[in-house]
Protein backbone atom coordinates (compact mmCIF):
# COMPACT_ATOMS: atom_id res chain seq x y z
CA MET A 1 67.43 126.90 168.48
CA ASN A 2 64.14 128.65 167.80
CA TRP A 3 61.99 125.31 166.89
CA THR A 4 58.92 127.39 166.25
CA LEU A 5 60.25 129.11 162.97
CA ALA A 6 59.64 125.54 161.63
CA LEU A 7 56.09 125.39 162.56
CA PRO A 8 54.18 125.21 159.11
CA GLU A 9 56.63 122.44 158.11
CA ILE A 10 56.18 120.68 161.50
CA VAL A 11 52.35 121.05 161.18
CA LEU A 12 52.54 119.49 157.46
CA ALA A 13 54.97 116.58 158.39
CA CYS A 14 52.60 115.70 161.06
CA SER A 15 49.50 116.27 159.08
CA GLY A 16 50.86 113.77 156.59
CA MET A 17 51.62 111.24 159.00
CA GLY A 18 48.15 111.48 160.52
CA ILE A 19 46.23 111.47 157.34
CA LEU A 20 48.61 108.41 156.41
CA LEU A 21 47.58 106.71 159.60
CA PHE A 22 43.78 107.63 159.36
CA GLY A 23 43.80 106.17 155.54
CA VAL A 24 45.47 102.86 156.42
CA LEU A 25 43.12 102.35 159.35
CA GLN A 26 39.81 103.21 157.63
CA LYS A 27 38.21 100.25 156.71
CA ARG A 28 36.14 102.02 153.41
CA GLU A 29 37.19 104.20 150.87
CA SER A 30 38.92 107.47 152.08
CA PHE A 31 40.61 109.18 149.11
CA HIS A 32 37.94 112.15 149.22
CA LEU A 33 38.26 113.06 152.80
CA CYS A 34 42.01 112.47 153.07
CA SER A 35 42.28 114.98 150.03
CA GLU A 36 40.16 117.45 152.09
CA LEU A 37 42.12 117.12 155.28
CA THR A 38 45.10 117.73 153.06
CA VAL A 39 43.99 120.95 151.69
CA GLY A 40 42.63 121.69 155.39
CA ALA A 41 46.47 121.16 156.30
CA PHE A 42 47.56 123.49 153.46
CA VAL A 43 45.29 126.47 154.77
CA LEU A 44 46.73 125.67 158.39
CA ALA A 45 50.02 125.79 156.95
CA ALA A 46 49.72 129.14 155.27
CA GLY A 47 48.07 130.76 158.17
CA LEU A 48 51.27 129.72 160.14
CA VAL A 49 53.25 131.20 157.54
CA VAL A 50 51.31 134.73 157.84
CA THR A 51 51.38 134.88 161.27
CA GLY A 52 54.75 133.43 162.07
CA SER A 53 57.94 135.52 162.96
CA ALA A 54 61.11 135.86 161.16
CA GLY A 55 64.30 134.82 162.15
CA HIS A 56 67.34 132.02 162.22
CA GLY A 57 67.01 128.60 163.71
CA TYR A 58 68.37 125.05 163.83
CA ASN A 59 72.25 126.43 163.90
CA GLY A 60 72.15 128.01 160.79
CA LEU A 61 70.24 125.39 159.05
CA PHE A 62 66.74 127.48 158.66
CA THR A 63 65.80 130.77 157.97
CA VAL A 64 62.20 132.41 157.84
CA ASP A 65 62.23 135.85 156.00
CA THR A 66 60.22 137.88 153.63
CA PHE A 67 61.36 135.84 150.78
CA SER A 68 60.87 132.01 152.10
CA SER A 69 57.47 133.46 153.23
CA PHE A 70 56.27 134.63 149.63
CA VAL A 71 57.67 131.52 148.14
CA LYS A 72 55.85 129.25 150.78
CA LEU A 73 52.48 131.00 150.46
CA LEU A 74 52.83 130.39 146.43
CA VAL A 75 54.00 126.78 146.89
CA LEU A 76 50.92 126.03 149.21
CA ALA A 77 48.16 127.62 147.01
CA ALA A 78 49.78 125.63 143.94
CA ALA A 79 49.76 122.34 145.95
CA ALA A 80 46.25 123.16 147.27
CA ILE A 81 45.37 123.47 143.38
CA GLY A 82 46.94 120.50 142.41
CA VAL A 83 44.93 118.54 145.38
CA ILE A 84 41.50 119.99 144.31
CA VAL A 85 41.89 119.05 140.62
CA SER A 86 43.04 115.70 141.15
CA LEU A 87 39.53 114.89 142.87
CA ASP A 88 37.55 114.06 139.81
CA TYR A 89 40.65 112.89 137.77
CA ASN A 90 41.22 110.17 140.16
CA GLU A 91 37.79 109.10 140.62
CA HIS A 92 37.28 108.38 136.77
CA ALA A 93 40.90 106.95 136.33
CA ASN A 94 40.52 104.45 139.33
CA LEU A 95 43.06 106.39 141.27
CA ARG A 96 41.12 106.82 144.37
CA ARG A 97 43.98 105.97 147.02
CA PHE A 98 44.73 107.87 149.96
CA GLU A 99 48.25 107.62 149.27
CA PHE A 100 47.81 110.13 146.52
CA PRO A 101 46.99 113.48 148.62
CA VAL A 102 49.43 112.42 151.50
CA LEU A 103 52.59 111.98 148.81
CA MET A 104 51.46 115.77 147.65
CA LEU A 105 51.58 116.51 151.27
CA PHE A 106 55.07 115.40 152.06
CA ALA A 107 56.38 116.82 148.81
CA THR A 108 55.07 120.24 149.93
CA THR A 109 56.73 119.82 152.99
CA GLY A 110 60.14 119.27 151.15
CA MET A 111 59.44 122.24 149.10
CA MET A 112 58.61 124.52 152.24
CA VAL A 113 62.06 123.23 153.70
CA MET A 114 63.83 124.09 150.44
CA ALA A 115 62.33 127.76 150.73
CA SER A 116 63.94 128.29 153.94
CA ALA A 117 67.04 126.30 153.44
CA THR A 118 70.16 128.31 154.37
CA ASN A 119 72.55 125.54 154.48
CA LEU A 120 73.66 123.15 151.70
CA MET A 121 72.75 119.99 153.87
CA SER A 122 68.98 121.39 154.86
CA LEU A 123 68.96 122.36 150.93
CA TYR A 124 69.58 118.66 149.83
CA LEU A 125 67.08 117.13 152.39
CA GLY A 126 64.35 119.45 151.52
CA LEU A 127 64.94 118.88 147.81
CA GLU A 128 65.16 114.91 148.08
CA LEU A 129 62.05 115.07 150.37
CA GLN A 130 60.10 116.66 147.26
CA SER A 131 61.65 114.54 144.76
CA LEU A 132 61.17 111.06 146.05
CA SER A 133 57.57 111.80 146.56
CA ILE A 134 57.17 113.19 143.12
CA TYR A 135 59.01 110.08 141.83
CA VAL A 136 56.06 108.00 143.02
CA LEU A 137 53.33 110.36 142.12
CA ALA A 138 54.57 110.34 138.45
CA ALA A 139 54.14 106.49 138.43
CA PHE A 140 50.83 106.44 140.49
CA ALA A 141 48.93 104.94 137.59
CA ARG A 142 50.45 101.67 137.74
CA ASP A 143 48.55 100.13 135.57
CA GLU A 144 49.45 102.36 132.80
CA LEU A 145 52.83 101.68 130.75
CA ARG A 146 53.20 105.31 130.51
CA SER A 147 52.66 105.92 133.92
CA SER A 148 55.38 103.60 135.01
CA GLU A 149 57.60 104.66 132.06
CA ALA A 150 57.25 108.36 133.37
CA GLY A 151 57.97 107.70 136.97
CA LEU A 152 61.31 105.34 136.17
CA LYS A 153 62.67 107.96 133.88
CA TYR A 154 62.29 110.40 136.53
CA PHE A 155 63.61 108.48 138.94
CA VAL A 156 66.81 107.75 136.91
CA LEU A 157 67.49 110.73 135.58
CA GLY A 158 66.74 112.50 139.07
CA SER A 159 69.07 110.44 140.69
CA LEU A 160 72.04 111.58 138.29
CA ALA A 161 70.96 115.18 139.04
CA SER A 162 71.01 114.50 143.09
CA GLY A 163 74.65 112.85 142.40
CA LEU A 164 75.89 115.81 140.44
CA LEU A 165 74.33 118.40 143.03
CA LEU A 166 75.95 116.40 145.93
CA TYR A 167 79.28 116.13 144.25
CA GLY A 168 79.12 120.12 143.78
CA ILE A 169 78.19 120.37 147.51
CA SER A 170 81.26 118.21 148.26
CA LEU A 171 83.25 120.40 146.05
CA VAL A 172 82.46 123.67 148.06
CA TYR A 173 82.49 122.06 151.49
CA GLY A 174 86.11 120.68 150.58
CA PHE A 175 87.22 124.28 149.07
CA ALA A 176 85.31 126.46 151.37
CA GLY A 177 85.03 124.36 154.47
CA THR A 178 81.66 125.32 155.45
CA MET A 179 78.34 124.45 153.98
CA GLU A 180 76.61 127.44 155.97
CA PHE A 181 75.21 130.25 153.30
CA ALA A 182 76.35 133.13 155.74
CA ARG A 183 79.93 131.81 156.38
CA LEU A 184 80.11 130.98 152.67
CA ALA A 185 79.04 134.44 151.71
CA GLU A 186 81.76 135.69 154.32
CA ALA A 187 84.45 133.56 153.00
CA LEU A 188 83.73 134.69 149.40
CA SER A 189 83.29 138.45 149.92
CA ASP A 190 86.49 138.68 147.92
CA PRO A 191 86.09 136.80 144.62
CA ALA A 192 90.04 136.41 144.34
CA HIS A 193 89.55 133.79 147.10
CA ALA A 194 87.63 131.77 145.32
CA SER A 195 89.64 128.57 144.05
CA PRO A 196 88.90 127.25 140.72
CA GLY A 197 87.73 123.84 142.50
CA LEU A 198 85.06 125.89 144.43
CA ILE A 199 83.83 127.26 140.98
CA VAL A 200 83.57 124.04 139.43
CA GLY A 201 81.43 123.25 142.68
CA VAL A 202 79.30 125.96 142.01
CA VAL A 203 78.63 124.57 138.55
CA PHE A 204 77.86 121.37 139.90
CA VAL A 205 75.39 122.83 142.03
CA ILE A 206 73.80 124.92 139.16
CA ALA A 207 73.60 121.99 136.93
CA GLY A 208 71.55 119.85 139.92
CA LEU A 209 69.13 122.76 140.63
CA ALA A 210 68.69 123.32 136.85
CA PHE A 211 67.18 119.82 136.56
CA LYS A 212 64.63 120.34 139.09
CA ILE A 213 63.59 123.35 137.02
CA SER A 214 63.83 121.34 133.73
CA ALA A 215 66.12 123.76 132.21
CA VAL A 216 68.42 123.00 129.09
CA PRO A 217 70.30 120.97 129.01
CA PHE A 218 68.88 118.98 131.81
CA HIS A 219 65.38 119.12 130.40
CA MET A 220 65.48 115.54 129.00
CA TRP A 221 63.20 114.14 131.24
CA THR A 222 60.23 116.79 130.88
CA PRO A 223 58.26 116.03 127.99
CA ASP A 224 58.12 112.02 128.64
CA VAL A 225 57.32 112.45 132.00
CA TYR A 226 54.71 115.57 131.46
CA GLU A 227 52.67 113.27 128.99
CA GLY A 228 53.03 109.73 130.86
CA ALA A 229 52.04 111.06 134.39
CA PRO A 230 48.63 111.30 135.60
CA THR A 231 47.39 114.75 134.64
CA PRO A 232 46.71 116.25 138.09
CA VAL A 233 50.57 114.96 138.79
CA THR A 234 51.55 117.00 135.77
CA ALA A 235 49.51 119.87 136.97
CA PHE A 236 51.28 119.70 140.30
CA MET A 237 54.77 119.00 138.78
CA SER A 238 54.87 122.04 136.67
CA THR A 239 54.07 124.51 139.34
CA ALA A 240 54.81 124.01 142.95
CA PRO A 241 58.14 122.11 142.88
CA LYS A 242 58.99 124.82 139.82
CA VAL A 243 58.56 127.76 142.17
CA ALA A 244 60.70 125.84 145.16
CA ALA A 245 63.39 124.98 142.85
CA ILE A 246 63.87 128.39 141.29
CA ALA A 247 63.48 130.07 144.67
CA LEU A 248 66.30 127.66 145.98
CA LEU A 249 68.36 128.42 142.96
CA MET A 250 67.98 132.05 143.81
CA ARG A 251 68.77 131.91 147.42
CA VAL A 252 72.04 129.93 146.84
CA MET A 253 73.26 132.12 144.11
CA ALA A 254 72.35 135.08 145.93
CA THR A 255 73.47 134.67 149.60
CA PRO A 256 76.54 132.31 149.59
CA PHE A 257 77.85 132.97 145.79
CA GLY A 258 76.44 136.36 145.36
CA HIS A 259 80.21 137.83 145.25
CA LEU A 260 80.97 135.56 142.77
CA LEU A 261 78.41 136.87 140.00
CA VAL A 262 80.80 137.22 137.34
CA GLN A 263 81.75 133.61 137.76
CA TRP A 264 78.38 131.95 137.57
CA GLN A 265 76.54 134.48 135.43
CA GLN A 266 77.54 133.36 132.14
CA VAL A 267 76.31 129.67 133.20
CA ILE A 268 72.88 131.13 133.85
CA ILE A 269 72.79 133.09 130.87
CA LEU A 270 73.65 130.15 128.62
CA VAL A 271 71.12 127.92 130.52
CA SER A 272 68.41 130.84 130.01
CA ILE A 273 69.18 131.39 126.25
CA LEU A 274 68.97 127.27 125.29
CA SER A 275 65.94 126.99 127.40
CA MET A 276 63.99 129.84 125.76
CA LEU A 277 65.22 128.72 122.23
CA LEU A 278 64.13 124.98 122.77
CA GLY A 279 60.92 125.91 124.65
CA SER A 280 59.86 128.08 121.68
CA LEU A 281 60.94 125.91 118.78
CA ALA A 282 60.20 122.33 119.87
CA ALA A 283 56.61 122.88 120.81
CA ILE A 284 55.99 124.01 117.36
CA ALA A 285 55.90 120.64 116.14
CA GLN A 286 53.59 118.95 118.89
CA ARG A 287 50.29 117.79 118.85
CA SER A 288 49.80 116.47 122.30
CA ILE A 289 48.58 119.42 124.37
CA LYS A 290 50.61 117.89 127.57
CA ARG A 291 54.01 117.25 125.77
CA LEU A 292 53.49 121.29 124.20
CA MET A 293 52.97 122.23 127.92
CA ALA A 294 56.22 120.49 128.64
CA TYR A 295 58.22 122.33 126.31
CA SER A 296 56.21 125.72 127.18
CA SER A 297 57.46 124.75 130.78
CA ILE A 298 61.09 124.71 129.57
CA GLY A 299 60.79 128.14 127.69
CA HIS A 300 59.34 129.78 130.75
CA MET A 301 61.91 128.68 133.21
CA GLY A 302 64.46 130.25 130.68
CA TYR A 303 62.37 133.43 131.02
CA ALA A 304 62.43 133.27 134.89
CA LEU A 305 66.10 132.44 135.08
CA ILE A 306 66.77 136.22 132.94
CA GLY A 307 65.96 137.67 136.24
CA LEU A 308 68.62 135.59 138.08
CA ALA A 309 71.21 136.56 135.37
CA ALA A 310 70.53 139.89 135.92
CA GLY A 311 72.47 139.99 139.34
CA SER A 312 70.31 142.53 140.84
CA GLN A 313 67.28 143.08 143.32
CA ALA A 314 65.17 144.23 140.40
CA GLY A 315 66.09 141.00 138.38
CA LEU A 316 65.06 138.81 141.69
CA ARG A 317 61.81 140.76 141.87
CA GLY A 318 61.16 140.19 138.35
CA VAL A 319 61.83 136.43 138.73
CA LEU A 320 59.08 136.26 141.84
CA ILE A 321 56.42 138.04 139.93
CA TYR A 322 56.77 135.90 137.08
CA MET A 323 56.63 132.65 139.11
CA LEU A 324 53.50 134.11 140.62
CA THR A 325 52.13 134.77 137.18
CA TYR A 326 53.14 131.56 135.74
CA VAL A 327 51.62 129.29 138.44
CA PHE A 328 47.98 130.72 137.90
CA MET A 329 48.07 130.84 134.40
CA ASN A 330 49.61 127.02 134.36
CA ALA A 331 47.62 125.80 136.87
CA GLY A 332 44.02 127.08 135.14
CA THR A 333 45.58 125.87 131.58
CA PHE A 334 46.12 122.28 133.05
CA ALA A 335 42.41 122.61 134.97
CA CYS A 336 41.22 123.17 131.38
CA ILE A 337 43.06 120.20 130.16
CA LEU A 338 41.49 118.14 132.88
CA ALA A 339 37.92 119.17 131.44
CA MET A 340 39.06 117.52 128.04
CA ARG A 341 36.78 114.31 128.76
CA ARG A 342 34.48 113.09 126.16
CA ARG A 343 32.20 109.93 126.95
CA GLY A 344 34.28 109.26 130.18
CA ARG A 345 37.77 109.21 128.24
CA MET A 346 40.58 111.67 128.86
CA LEU A 347 41.61 113.34 125.56
CA GLU A 348 45.06 115.05 125.22
CA GLN A 349 45.27 115.77 121.48
CA ILE A 350 45.22 119.66 120.53
CA SER A 351 43.01 118.61 117.66
CA ASP A 352 40.56 117.60 120.20
CA LEU A 353 39.68 121.13 121.12
CA SER A 354 38.31 121.54 117.56
CA GLY A 355 35.34 124.12 117.77
CA LEU A 356 35.17 124.35 121.73
CA ALA A 357 33.81 127.80 121.41
CA ARG A 358 30.53 126.52 120.02
CA THR A 359 30.06 123.74 122.28
CA ASP A 360 31.54 125.33 125.71
CA PRO A 361 32.20 128.97 125.53
CA GLY A 362 33.07 129.19 128.85
CA LEU A 363 36.01 126.97 128.77
CA ALA A 364 36.97 128.22 125.38
CA LEU A 365 37.19 131.75 126.81
CA ALA A 366 39.56 130.45 129.54
CA PHE A 367 41.67 128.46 127.31
CA ALA A 368 42.13 131.74 125.40
CA VAL A 369 43.18 133.68 128.16
CA PHE A 370 45.57 131.50 129.41
CA MET A 371 47.12 130.94 125.95
CA PHE A 372 47.37 134.77 125.36
CA SER A 373 48.65 135.19 128.93
CA MET A 374 51.68 132.56 128.15
CA ALA A 375 52.51 134.24 125.32
CA GLY A 376 53.03 137.42 126.94
CA ILE A 377 50.31 139.49 125.29
CA PRO A 378 48.87 142.30 127.39
CA PRO A 379 46.69 143.01 129.52
CA PHE A 380 47.19 139.53 130.74
CA THR A 381 49.48 138.37 133.71
CA GLY A 382 51.87 136.84 131.57
CA PHE A 383 53.02 140.17 129.77
CA TRP A 384 53.75 141.84 133.02
CA GLY A 385 55.71 138.91 134.36
CA LYS A 386 57.74 139.18 131.21
CA TYR A 387 57.94 143.09 131.32
CA PHE A 388 59.38 142.95 134.87
CA ILE A 389 61.94 140.17 133.80
CA PHE A 390 63.05 142.22 130.45
CA THR A 391 63.29 145.69 132.25
CA ALA A 392 65.79 143.99 135.02
CA ALA A 393 67.68 142.48 132.11
CA VAL A 394 68.22 145.76 130.29
CA GLN A 395 68.91 147.72 133.49
CA SER A 396 71.80 145.31 133.85
CA GLY A 397 72.89 145.67 130.27
CA LEU A 398 71.91 142.20 129.61
CA TRP A 399 70.48 143.44 126.05
CA THR A 400 71.42 140.35 123.92
CA LEU A 401 69.40 138.45 126.74
CA ALA A 402 66.56 140.61 126.57
CA VAL A 403 66.27 140.45 122.77
CA ILE A 404 66.40 136.87 122.50
CA GLY A 405 63.65 136.60 125.12
CA VAL A 406 61.48 139.14 122.82
CA LEU A 407 62.06 137.14 119.82
CA THR A 408 61.57 133.59 121.53
CA SER A 409 58.39 135.17 122.78
CA VAL A 410 57.00 135.95 119.40
CA ILE A 411 57.88 132.51 118.30
CA GLY A 412 56.19 130.90 121.10
CA ALA A 413 53.12 133.17 120.47
CA PHE A 414 52.76 131.24 117.11
CA TYR A 415 51.65 127.58 119.08
CA TYR A 416 49.58 129.35 121.79
CA ILE A 417 47.71 131.34 119.17
CA ARG A 418 47.52 127.94 117.11
CA ILE A 419 45.50 126.53 119.88
CA ILE A 420 42.91 129.71 120.06
CA LYS A 421 42.53 129.40 116.26
CA VAL A 422 41.76 125.67 116.70
CA ILE A 423 39.08 126.47 119.67
CA TYR A 424 37.44 128.96 117.63
CA PHE A 425 37.61 128.55 114.07
CA ASP A 426 38.05 124.92 113.35
CA ALA A 427 34.92 122.59 113.04
CA ALA A 428 33.05 121.41 116.12
CA GLU A 429 33.54 118.02 117.61
CA ALA A 430 31.14 116.61 120.13
CA ALA A 431 30.95 118.46 123.39
CA PHE A 432 32.87 117.62 126.67
CA ASP A 433 31.53 115.63 129.58
CA PRO A 434 30.15 118.07 132.22
CA ARG A 435 32.80 118.97 134.48
CA PRO A 436 32.81 119.12 138.19
CA THR A 437 32.29 122.31 140.13
CA ALA A 438 35.54 122.29 141.88
CA LEU A 439 37.47 122.15 138.55
CA SER A 440 35.24 124.98 137.32
CA LEU A 441 35.90 127.13 140.36
CA VAL A 442 39.69 126.48 139.89
CA VAL A 443 39.21 127.55 136.12
CA GLY A 444 37.24 130.58 136.63
CA GLY A 445 39.43 131.93 139.50
CA ALA A 446 42.69 131.36 137.65
CA ALA A 447 41.15 133.17 134.59
CA LEU A 448 39.78 135.92 136.59
CA PHE A 449 43.52 136.74 138.32
CA THR A 450 45.30 136.05 134.85
CA THR A 451 42.97 138.46 133.21
CA PHE A 452 42.62 141.35 136.00
CA PHE A 453 45.88 141.21 137.60
CA PHE A 454 46.83 144.67 135.67
CA LEU A 455 44.04 146.05 137.79
CA ILE A 456 45.48 145.44 141.10
CA PRO A 457 49.33 144.67 140.90
CA ALA A 458 50.59 146.99 143.36
CA PRO A 459 50.33 144.47 146.72
CA PHE A 460 51.88 141.74 144.53
CA VAL A 461 54.96 143.83 143.33
CA ALA A 462 55.56 145.30 146.88
CA ALA A 463 55.67 141.69 148.31
CA ALA A 464 58.00 140.65 145.55
CA GLU A 465 59.86 143.82 146.20
CA ALA A 466 60.06 142.93 149.88
CA ALA A 467 60.94 139.33 149.38
CA ALA A 468 63.69 140.47 146.96
CA LYS A 469 65.40 142.77 149.51
CA ALA A 470 65.93 139.67 152.12
CA LEU A 471 68.36 138.16 149.50
CA ILE A 472 71.40 139.82 150.16
CA TRP A 473 73.38 140.22 146.91
């Protein structure tokens, strides 16, 4: 058993327990110091991921390869951004409690386990470690009714999804006799040997994982939880957990069930189409920018699933590139939303952005960059993410899926460009409060990456290509 393969996860888990003890024993306020230590733990874990070796360990429960390393680095980057943008918000919202970064750290540990899981049991353990932490984070503002409601809704519906996933795992184990991905792949190398009960189990597994990426029809929690949870928690939930969950879905579908592509492809196609349609249409009527971003995320997960439905290495590469672009434009958007504070009060309505270009040109420009990118307008990253996804779909003959993706992108562009219209052409409101340096750095860094990605895409595309090759179809 090569225990060093899980060294980044072990470091994060030990750091979480250490920071928890430190926070408990500190006599004075320790939120900022614990947050800084958490970001430091993320940086250390990222270093260990980069320098670590590949291999299989823990009797088939855990694997480190180029795919898991790519996903882990992306998750760690998103988690670090989530902690950084929470500092000023928690200060103003009276949420300065050291448990906040600790919960983010434990959630990230679960996501790291998800990225390397090669057994249905380790898959479930990583997923639940992530989920239990986020349930608490969603309800962290316990004095606010909205936050408590968000946490409760997420917990109840999340428990239902966990039940579906466990039922699917039990069916797979019952009909295949193993939970190891490698042995499942061997047993199912001939699709004719797949019993109807096993196929039903796979569908339940897909349903449980689809909940975690808020894909239709398992999306019902998303708008209320996004709106009710503290905004830094929403920023965190909309990036890192989505990356980990869709990576887990990719590994599960590609490795143990890759030979059953014909059986599960139609399910993924249906979920993808429904997600794109609902995400693009339901967002049009929204007036709260957080609810709009919730429906937007549903649509984006639909686009990402196109690559998985393609059933090819190009499709997997497209999903990874799409998630890379999605994390930074989404994190940047939420950083801009966190800057929407006037006279100490957080604002969430799209109308509150009225005339922002005349009171804060820098923030207005960043907002415009992220909105254009989400709409898929070149040369921003959102365009390149969709380009790789749609190209893979066309190469696999999924013309209908690609056409629906393009049409829903056009519909979605309406509400993204409407925000830009409000920012640049509506009458100016009073200026927002000055924002902290850390928030400005996140906004600026994400905007630069989103704008200039097209100048240096080669290293990222090559990394995604290598990661996709690690999954055996």
